[in-house]
Amino acid sequence: MGCFMALFALGSLFVGLALDPLLGGRRLAVVVCVLAGLPLNLGIAVWLTRLLIARIIPAGAKSTGFTANPDDDQEESAGALKSE
């Protein structure tokens, strides 16, 4: 993941350097490409991370018992007591 992000950042730098002579050579294209590449790089990293996590932890996986809301856990315990 880190190598991908570094290559993407270098790619945006080189694209900016290639566009500079075409646009007058004031280094504006480098700044624009690098600044536009940062949020794009972050978005792709988040998307790729979510994709890989979804492969590791399937959506239908059973919970380990930890819940963010303690009331949910109490309701499950109460239901188990009633069924006995």
N, C-alpha and C. Protein backbone atom coordinates (compact mmCIF):
# COMPACT_ATOMS: atom_id res chain seq x y z
N MET A 1 0.83 -1.19 0.00
CA MET A 1 0.00 0.00 0.00
C MET A 1 0.88 1.25 0.00
N GLY A 2 1.92 1.23 0.82
CA GLY A 2 2.81 2.39 0.89
C GLY A 2 3.54 2.62 -0.42
N CYS A 3 3.94 1.53 -1.07
CA CYS A 3 4.62 1.66 -2.37
C CYS A 3 3.67 2.25 -3.41
N PHE A 4 2.41 1.81 -3.37
CA PHE A 4 1.42 2.33 -4.31
C PHE A 4 1.26 3.85 -4.11
N MET A 5 1.16 4.27 -2.86
CA MET A 5 0.97 5.70 -2.59
C MET A 5 2.18 6.51 -3.03
N ALA A 6 3.38 5.99 -2.79
CA ALA A 6 4.59 6.69 -3.21
C ALA A 6 4.68 6.77 -4.73
N LEU A 7 4.36 5.69 -5.41
CA LEU A 7 4.39 5.70 -6.88
C LEU A 7 3.34 6.65 -7.45
N PHE A 8 2.18 6.70 -6.82
CA PHE A 8 1.13 7.60 -7.29
C PHE A 8 1.56 9.06 -7.10
N ALA A 9 2.19 9.38 -5.97
CA ALA A 9 2.66 10.74 -5.72
C ALA A 9 3.76 11.12 -6.71
N LEU A 10 4.69 10.19 -6.95
CA LEU A 10 5.74 10.46 -7.94
C LEU A 10 5.16 10.60 -9.34
N GLY A 11 4.14 9.80 -9.64
CA GLY A 11 3.49 9.90 -10.94
C GLY A 11 2.85 11.27 -11.16
N SER A 12 2.20 11.79 -10.13
CA SER A 12 1.58 13.11 -10.27
C SER A 12 2.65 14.19 -10.42
N LEU A 13 3.79 14.01 -9.76
CA LEU A 13 4.89 14.96 -9.90
C LEU A 13 5.43 14.94 -11.33
N PHE A 14 5.64 13.76 -11.88
CA PHE A 14 6.18 13.66 -13.24
C PHE A 14 5.18 14.13 -14.29
N VAL A 15 3.89 13.90 -14.06
CA VAL A 15 2.89 14.43 -14.98
C VAL A 15 2.93 15.96 -14.97
N GLY A 16 3.04 16.53 -13.78
CA GLY A 16 3.14 17.99 -13.68
C GLY A 16 4.38 18.52 -14.36
N LEU A 17 5.51 17.82 -14.19
CA LEU A 17 6.75 18.25 -14.85
C LEU A 17 6.65 18.13 -16.37
N ALA A 18 5.90 17.13 -16.85
CA ALA A 18 5.73 16.97 -18.30
C ALA A 18 4.78 18.04 -18.87
N LEU A 19 3.81 18.45 -18.07
CA LEU A 19 2.85 19.46 -18.56
C LEU A 19 3.39 20.88 -18.48
N ASP A 20 4.37 21.12 -17.63
CA ASP A 20 4.89 22.48 -17.45
C ASP A 20 5.40 23.12 -18.74
N PRO A 21 6.23 22.45 -19.52
CA PRO A 21 6.69 23.11 -20.76
C PRO A 21 5.55 23.41 -21.72
N LEU A 22 4.51 22.60 -21.69
CA LEU A 22 3.38 22.83 -22.59
C LEU A 22 2.55 24.04 -22.16
N LEU A 23 2.57 24.34 -20.85
CA LEU A 23 1.74 25.42 -20.33
C LEU A 23 2.52 26.69 -20.00
N GLY A 24 3.76 26.76 -20.39
CA GLY A 24 4.51 27.98 -20.17
C GLY A 24 5.65 27.84 -19.18
N GLY A 25 5.78 26.75 -18.50
CA GLY A 25 6.93 26.49 -17.65
C GLY A 25 7.02 27.29 -16.36
N ARG A 26 5.90 27.70 -15.77
CA ARG A 26 5.94 28.46 -14.52
C ARG A 26 5.72 27.57 -13.30
N ARG A 27 5.86 26.27 -13.45
CA ARG A 27 5.71 25.29 -12.37
C ARG A 27 4.30 25.25 -11.78
N LEU A 28 3.35 25.86 -12.44
CA LEU A 28 1.97 25.82 -11.97
C LEU A 28 1.38 24.42 -12.13
N ALA A 29 1.72 23.75 -13.22
CA ALA A 29 1.19 22.41 -13.46
C ALA A 29 1.69 21.43 -12.40
N VAL A 30 2.93 21.59 -11.95
CA VAL A 30 3.47 20.70 -10.92
C VAL A 30 2.69 20.86 -9.63
N VAL A 31 2.47 22.09 -9.23
CA VAL A 31 1.74 22.36 -7.99
C VAL A 31 0.31 21.85 -8.08
N VAL A 32 -0.35 22.08 -9.20
CA VAL A 32 -1.73 21.64 -9.37
C VAL A 32 -1.81 20.11 -9.38
N CYS A 33 -0.92 19.46 -10.09
CA CYS A 33 -0.96 18.00 -10.16
C CYS A 33 -0.67 17.36 -8.81
N VAL A 34 0.31 17.89 -8.09
CA VAL A 34 0.64 17.32 -6.78
C VAL A 34 -0.51 17.57 -5.79
N LEU A 35 -1.07 18.77 -5.78
CA LEU A 35 -2.17 19.07 -4.86
C LEU A 35 -3.43 18.29 -5.22
N ALA A 36 -3.67 18.09 -6.50
CA ALA A 36 -4.84 17.30 -6.91
C ALA A 36 -4.60 15.82 -6.65
N GLY A 37 -3.37 15.39 -6.69
CA GLY A 37 -3.05 13.98 -6.47
C GLY A 37 -3.17 13.55 -5.03
N LEU A 38 -3.00 14.46 -4.08
CA LEU A 38 -3.06 14.09 -2.67
C LEU A 38 -4.44 13.56 -2.24
N PRO A 39 -5.53 14.30 -2.47
CA PRO A 39 -6.83 13.74 -2.07
C PRO A 39 -7.22 12.52 -2.91
N LEU A 40 -6.81 12.51 -4.17
CA LEU A 40 -7.09 11.36 -5.02
C LEU A 40 -6.35 10.13 -4.49
N ASN A 41 -5.11 10.32 -4.10
CA ASN A 41 -4.31 9.25 -3.52
C ASN A 41 -4.93 8.73 -2.23
N LEU A 42 -5.38 9.62 -1.39
CA LEU A 42 -6.02 9.22 -0.13
C LEU A 42 -7.33 8.47 -0.40
N GLY A 43 -8.13 8.94 -1.33
CA GLY A 43 -9.39 8.28 -1.66
C GLY A 43 -9.17 6.88 -2.20
N ILE A 44 -8.18 6.72 -3.07
CA ILE A 44 -7.88 5.39 -3.61
C ILE A 44 -7.37 4.47 -2.51
N ALA A 45 -6.56 5.01 -1.59
CA ALA A 45 -6.05 4.20 -0.48
C ALA A 45 -7.18 3.73 0.43
N VAL A 46 -8.13 4.60 0.72
CA VAL A 46 -9.28 4.21 1.56
C VAL A 46 -10.13 3.17 0.84
N TRP A 47 -10.38 3.37 -0.45
CA TRP A 47 -11.17 2.42 -1.22
C TRP A 47 -10.49 1.05 -1.26
N LEU A 48 -9.18 1.04 -1.51
CA LEU A 48 -8.44 -0.21 -1.58
C LEU A 48 -8.40 -0.91 -0.23
N THR A 49 -8.25 -0.15 0.85
CA THR A 49 -8.25 -0.73 2.19
C THR A 49 -9.60 -1.36 2.51
N ARG A 50 -10.67 -0.67 2.19
CA ARG A 50 -12.01 -1.23 2.43
C ARG A 50 -12.25 -2.49 1.62
N LEU A 51 -11.75 -2.51 0.39
CA LEU A 51 -11.88 -3.68 -0.46
C LEU A 51 -11.13 -4.87 0.14
N LEU A 52 -9.92 -4.65 0.60
CA LEU A 52 -9.14 -5.74 1.18
C LEU A 52 -9.72 -6.22 2.50
N ILE A 53 -10.23 -5.32 3.32
CA ILE A 53 -10.86 -5.71 4.58
C ILE A 53 -12.13 -6.51 4.32
N ALA A 54 -12.88 -6.14 3.29
CA ALA A 54 -14.10 -6.88 2.95
C ALA A 54 -13.78 -8.30 2.51
N ARG A 55 -12.61 -8.51 1.91
CA ARG A 55 -12.21 -9.86 1.53
C ARG A 55 -11.83 -10.68 2.75
N ILE A 56 -11.21 -10.03 3.73
CA ILE A 56 -10.77 -10.75 4.93
C ILE A 56 -11.94 -11.05 5.85
N ILE A 57 -12.81 -10.06 6.06
CA ILE A 57 -13.95 -10.20 6.95
C ILE A 57 -15.22 -10.13 6.11
N PRO A 58 -15.82 -11.24 5.78
CA PRO A 58 -17.03 -11.20 4.95
C PRO A 58 -18.18 -10.49 5.66
N ALA A 59 -19.12 -9.99 4.89
CA ALA A 59 -20.24 -9.21 5.44
C ALA A 59 -21.14 -10.05 6.33
N GLY A 60 -21.28 -11.33 6.06
CA GLY A 60 -22.16 -12.18 6.84
C GLY A 60 -21.48 -12.87 8.01
N ALA A 61 -20.27 -12.41 8.37
CA ALA A 61 -19.53 -13.06 9.46
C ALA A 61 -20.25 -12.87 10.78
N LYS A 62 -20.20 -13.90 11.62
CA LYS A 62 -20.86 -13.83 12.91
C LYS A 62 -20.07 -12.91 13.84
N SER A 63 -20.79 -12.17 14.64
CA SER A 63 -20.16 -11.24 15.58
C SER A 63 -19.43 -12.01 16.66
N THR A 64 -18.38 -11.39 17.19
CA THR A 64 -17.60 -12.02 18.25
C THR A 64 -18.19 -11.73 19.62
N GLY A 65 -19.29 -11.02 19.68
CA GLY A 65 -19.91 -10.70 20.96
C GLY A 65 -19.67 -9.27 21.40
N PHE A 66 -18.70 -8.61 20.80
CA PHE A 66 -18.45 -7.22 21.15
C PHE A 66 -19.41 -6.34 20.37
N THR A 67 -20.11 -5.45 21.10
CA THR A 67 -21.01 -4.51 20.43
C THR A 67 -20.65 -3.10 20.85
N ALA A 68 -20.88 -2.17 19.97
CA ALA A 68 -20.60 -0.78 20.28
C ALA A 68 -21.65 -0.21 21.22
N ASN A 69 -22.85 -0.79 21.19
CA ASN A 69 -23.94 -0.32 22.02
C ASN A 69 -24.17 -1.36 23.13
N PRO A 70 -23.91 -1.03 24.40
CA PRO A 70 -24.06 -2.02 25.47
C PRO A 70 -25.50 -2.49 25.64
N ASP A 71 -26.49 -1.70 25.23
CA ASP A 71 -27.89 -2.11 25.35
C ASP A 71 -28.20 -3.31 24.46
N ASP A 72 -27.54 -3.40 23.30
CA ASP A 72 -27.75 -4.54 22.41
C ASP A 72 -27.33 -5.83 23.09
N ASP A 73 -26.23 -5.79 23.80
CA ASP A 73 -25.72 -6.98 24.48
C ASP A 73 -26.67 -7.42 25.59
N GLN A 74 -27.26 -6.47 26.30
CA GLN A 74 -28.18 -6.79 27.39
C GLN A 74 -29.46 -7.42 26.85
N GLU A 75 -29.93 -6.92 25.70
CA GLU A 75 -31.14 -7.48 25.10
C GLU A 75 -30.92 -8.92 24.68
N GLU A 76 -29.75 -9.23 24.14
CA GLU A 76 -29.45 -10.60 23.74
C GLU A 76 -29.39 -11.51 24.95
N SER A 77 -28.81 -11.04 26.07
CA SER A 77 -28.73 -11.83 27.28
C SER A 77 -30.11 -12.08 27.87
N ALA A 78 -30.96 -11.06 27.84
CA ALA A 78 -32.32 -11.21 28.36
C ALA A 78 -33.10 -12.20 27.53
N GLY A 79 -32.92 -12.17 26.21
CA GLY A 79 -33.61 -13.11 25.34
C GLY A 79 -33.14 -14.55 25.59
N ALA A 80 -31.87 -14.72 25.89
CA ALA A 80 -31.35 -16.06 26.15
C ALA A 80 -31.92 -16.59 27.47
N LEU A 81 -32.11 -15.73 28.46
CA LEU A 81 -32.65 -16.16 29.74
C LEU A 81 -34.12 -16.54 29.61
N LYS A 82 -34.88 -15.80 28.78
CA LYS A 82 -36.30 -16.08 28.61
C LYS A 82 -36.51 -17.42 27.90
N SER A 83 -35.62 -17.74 26.96
CA SER A 83 -35.83 -18.97 26.21
C SER A 83 -35.49 -20.22 27.02
N GLU A 84 -34.76 -20.05 28.11
CA GLU A 84 -34.41 -21.21 28.94
C GLU A 84 -35.51 -21.52 29.83
